[in-house]
Amino acid sequence: MNINLKYEGDRALMSIDGFLNSDNAHLFQEKLDEVLKSDARMLDLDLFQCKNISSVGIGKLLLFYKDFIGKGGDIEVVRSSSTIYDLFAMLKLNQLFPVNLE
């Protein structure tokens, strides 16, 4: 898995390429912690190249979401593969934040 994180003003742009699972979720957590500590008010997630997200990755995203909105932030999945889109819809994560397909 590869995670790219950059900032544009008060927006954090994170893209994930590969499989997000229990073996590498700590890397995802490190990037989320970095965003949380930054001045970013918006996290744009690009999951188009993400092949799958395990329950551990989903859990880390949900905990981050809770903390991030608590400090006035917001999240949007700006692109996702159909697999990720269907997973987020099934888990009703699209009711917490926008999830866009491709």
Protein backbone atom coordinates (compact mmCIF):
# COMPACT_ATOMS: atom_id res chain seq x y z
CA MET A 1 0.00 0.00 0.00
CA ASN A 2 1.15 3.51 -0.81
CA ILE A 3 -0.30 6.66 0.78
CA ASN A 4 0.28 10.09 -0.71
CA LEU A 5 -0.58 13.09 1.47
CA LYS A 6 -0.28 16.72 0.46
CA TYR A 7 -1.81 20.00 1.54
CA GLU A 8 -3.38 22.84 -0.41
CA GLY A 9 -4.37 25.65 1.91
CA ASP A 10 -6.70 24.24 4.54
CA ARG A 11 -7.32 21.03 2.54
CA ALA A 12 -5.48 17.77 3.01
CA LEU A 13 -5.44 15.54 -0.05
CA MET A 14 -4.80 11.85 0.65
CA SER A 15 -4.69 9.10 -1.94
CA ILE A 16 -4.32 5.40 -1.18
CA ASP A 17 -3.04 2.86 -3.66
CA GLY A 18 -3.27 -0.85 -2.89
CA PHE A 19 -4.82 -2.85 -0.08
CA LEU A 20 -5.49 -1.21 3.30
CA ASN A 21 -5.47 -4.01 5.85
CA SER A 22 -4.32 -4.91 9.36
CA ASP A 23 -0.71 -5.33 8.16
CA ASN A 24 -0.39 -1.69 7.11
CA ALA A 25 -3.20 0.12 8.95
CA HIS A 26 -0.60 1.71 11.25
CA LEU A 27 0.70 3.68 8.23
CA PHE A 28 -2.84 4.92 7.54
CA GLN A 29 -3.16 5.89 11.22
CA GLU A 30 0.10 7.88 11.06
CA LYS A 31 -1.16 9.89 8.07
CA LEU A 32 -4.55 10.48 9.71
CA ASP A 33 -2.80 11.67 12.88
CA GLU A 34 -0.73 14.05 10.77
CA VAL A 35 -3.90 15.52 9.23
CA LEU A 36 -5.52 15.82 12.66
CA LYS A 37 -2.54 17.77 14.00
CA SER A 38 -2.41 20.05 10.95
CA ASP A 39 -4.47 23.15 10.23
CA ALA A 40 -6.48 21.26 7.60
CA ARG A 41 -10.25 21.71 7.80
CA MET A 42 -11.07 19.34 4.93
CA LEU A 43 -9.76 15.89 4.05
CA ASP A 44 -10.25 14.84 0.44
CA LEU A 45 -9.74 11.09 0.18
CA ASP A 46 -8.94 9.57 -3.20
CA LEU A 47 -9.64 5.84 -2.99
CA PHE A 48 -9.80 5.15 -6.72
CA GLN A 49 -6.63 3.01 -6.63
CA CYS A 50 -7.48 1.43 -3.27
CA LYS A 51 -8.28 -2.23 -3.90
CA ASN A 52 -9.92 -2.99 -0.55
CA ILE A 53 -10.21 -1.67 3.00
CA SER A 54 -10.36 -4.10 5.91
CA SER A 55 -12.44 -3.58 9.03
CA VAL A 56 -9.32 -2.28 10.78
CA GLY A 57 -8.95 0.47 8.16
CA ILE A 58 -12.65 1.34 8.39
CA GLY A 59 -12.34 1.55 12.17
CA LYS A 60 -9.38 3.92 11.94
CA LEU A 61 -11.26 6.10 9.45
CA LEU A 62 -14.32 6.28 11.72
CA LEU A 63 -12.28 7.20 14.80
CA PHE A 64 -10.49 9.88 12.78
CA TYR A 65 -13.82 11.18 11.46
CA LYS A 66 -15.15 11.57 15.01
CA ASP A 67 -12.05 13.50 16.13
CA PHE A 68 -11.79 15.55 12.92
CA ILE A 69 -15.39 16.80 12.91
CA GLY A 70 -14.95 17.52 16.61
CA LYS A 71 -12.36 20.13 15.67
CA GLY A 72 -14.49 21.53 12.85
CA GLY A 73 -13.15 19.42 9.99
CA ASP A 74 -14.96 17.47 7.29
CA ILE A 75 -14.22 14.53 4.98
CA GLU A 76 -15.12 13.72 1.40
CA VAL A 77 -14.19 10.69 -0.65
CA VAL A 78 -13.56 12.50 -3.92
CA ARG A 79 -13.03 9.33 -5.98
CA SER A 80 -13.51 5.67 -5.23
CA SER A 81 -13.49 2.41 -7.10
CA SER A 82 -16.81 0.62 -7.44
CA THR A 83 -15.65 -1.91 -4.82
CA ILE A 84 -14.94 0.78 -2.23
CA TYR A 85 -18.08 2.71 -3.17
CA ASP A 86 -20.24 -0.39 -2.65
CA LEU A 87 -18.51 -1.18 0.66
CA PHE A 88 -19.04 2.35 1.99
CA ALA A 89 -22.67 2.33 0.84
CA MET A 90 -23.31 -1.05 2.48
CA LEU A 91 -21.82 0.25 5.75
CA LYS A 92 -23.80 3.51 5.30
CA LEU A 93 -20.63 5.58 5.56
CA ASN A 94 -22.04 7.68 2.71
CA GLN A 95 -24.52 9.00 5.27
CA LEU A 96 -21.64 10.44 7.32
CA PHE A 97 -19.70 12.03 4.48
CA PRO A 98 -19.92 12.26 0.67
CA VAL A 99 -18.58 9.25 -1.23
CA ASN A 100 -18.10 9.78 -4.96
CA LEU A 101 -17.66 7.07 -7.55
CA GLU A 102 -14.72 7.50 -9.94
